[in-house]
N, C-alpha and C. Protein backbone atom coordinates (compact mmCIF):
# COMPACT_ATOMS: atom_id res chain seq x y z
N MET A 1 5.61 1.83 -4.88
CA MET A 1 6.40 2.39 -3.24
C MET A 1 5.72 1.41 -2.42
N VAL A 2 4.47 0.67 -2.72
CA VAL A 2 3.88 -0.43 -1.70
C VAL A 2 5.06 -1.66 -1.88
N ALA A 3 5.03 -1.98 -2.82
CA ALA A 3 6.46 -2.75 -2.62
C ALA A 3 7.46 -2.69 -1.93
N LYS A 4 8.12 -1.43 -2.55
CA LYS A 4 9.62 -1.04 -1.53
C LYS A 4 9.09 -0.55 -0.36
N ALA A 5 7.89 -0.42 0.34
CA ALA A 5 7.93 0.19 1.80
C ALA A 5 7.69 -1.51 2.31
N LEU A 6 7.32 -2.51 1.40
CA LEU A 6 7.60 -4.16 2.30
C LEU A 6 8.82 -4.97 1.95
N ASP A 7 9.41 -4.28 0.94
CA ASP A 7 10.98 -4.94 1.06
C ASP A 7 11.49 -4.32 1.94
N VAL A 8 11.32 -3.16 2.37
CA VAL A 8 12.46 -2.11 3.63
C VAL A 8 11.50 -2.57 4.57
N THR A 9 10.61 -3.05 5.39
CA THR A 9 9.67 -3.06 6.57
C THR A 9 10.66 -4.33 7.46
N PRO A 10 10.75 -5.27 6.84
CA PRO A 10 10.91 -6.84 7.19
C PRO A 10 12.58 -6.44 8.30
N GLN A 11 12.96 -5.22 7.01
CA GLN A 11 14.65 -5.33 7.94
C GLN A 11 14.48 -4.66 8.87
N LEU A 12 13.56 -3.53 9.01
CA LEU A 12 13.12 -2.28 10.33
C LEU A 12 13.03 -3.57 11.53
N VAL A 13 12.46 -4.11 11.03
CA VAL A 13 11.88 -5.37 12.29
C VAL A 13 12.44 -5.90 12.64
N LEU A 14 13.41 -6.07 11.79
CA LEU A 14 14.94 -7.32 12.50
C LEU A 14 15.64 -6.52 12.88
N ARG A 15 16.19 -4.83 12.96
CA ARG A 15 16.88 -4.32 13.27
C ARG A 15 16.78 -3.61 14.70
N VAL A 16 14.96 -3.79 15.01
CA VAL A 16 14.23 -2.98 16.16
C VAL A 16 14.31 -4.55 16.90
N VAL A 17 13.95 -5.98 16.68
CA VAL A 17 14.14 -6.87 17.57
C VAL A 17 15.37 -6.87 17.64
N GLY A 18 16.49 -6.95 17.16
CA GLY A 18 17.85 -7.32 17.47
C GLY A 18 18.06 -6.30 18.55
N LYS A 19 18.23 -5.20 18.74
CA LYS A 19 18.29 -4.11 19.92
C LYS A 19 17.52 -4.50 21.29
N LEU A 20 16.08 -4.57 20.77
CA LEU A 20 15.16 -5.26 22.16
C LEU A 20 15.64 -6.60 22.56
N GLY A 21 16.23 -7.79 21.67
CA GLY A 21 16.71 -8.82 22.28
C GLY A 21 18.08 -8.91 22.26
């Protein structure tokens, strides 16, 4: 579960940064 979270989190961060940027 932790490994999955670490794999998904970066994608969410990139999407948020893309919206803000």
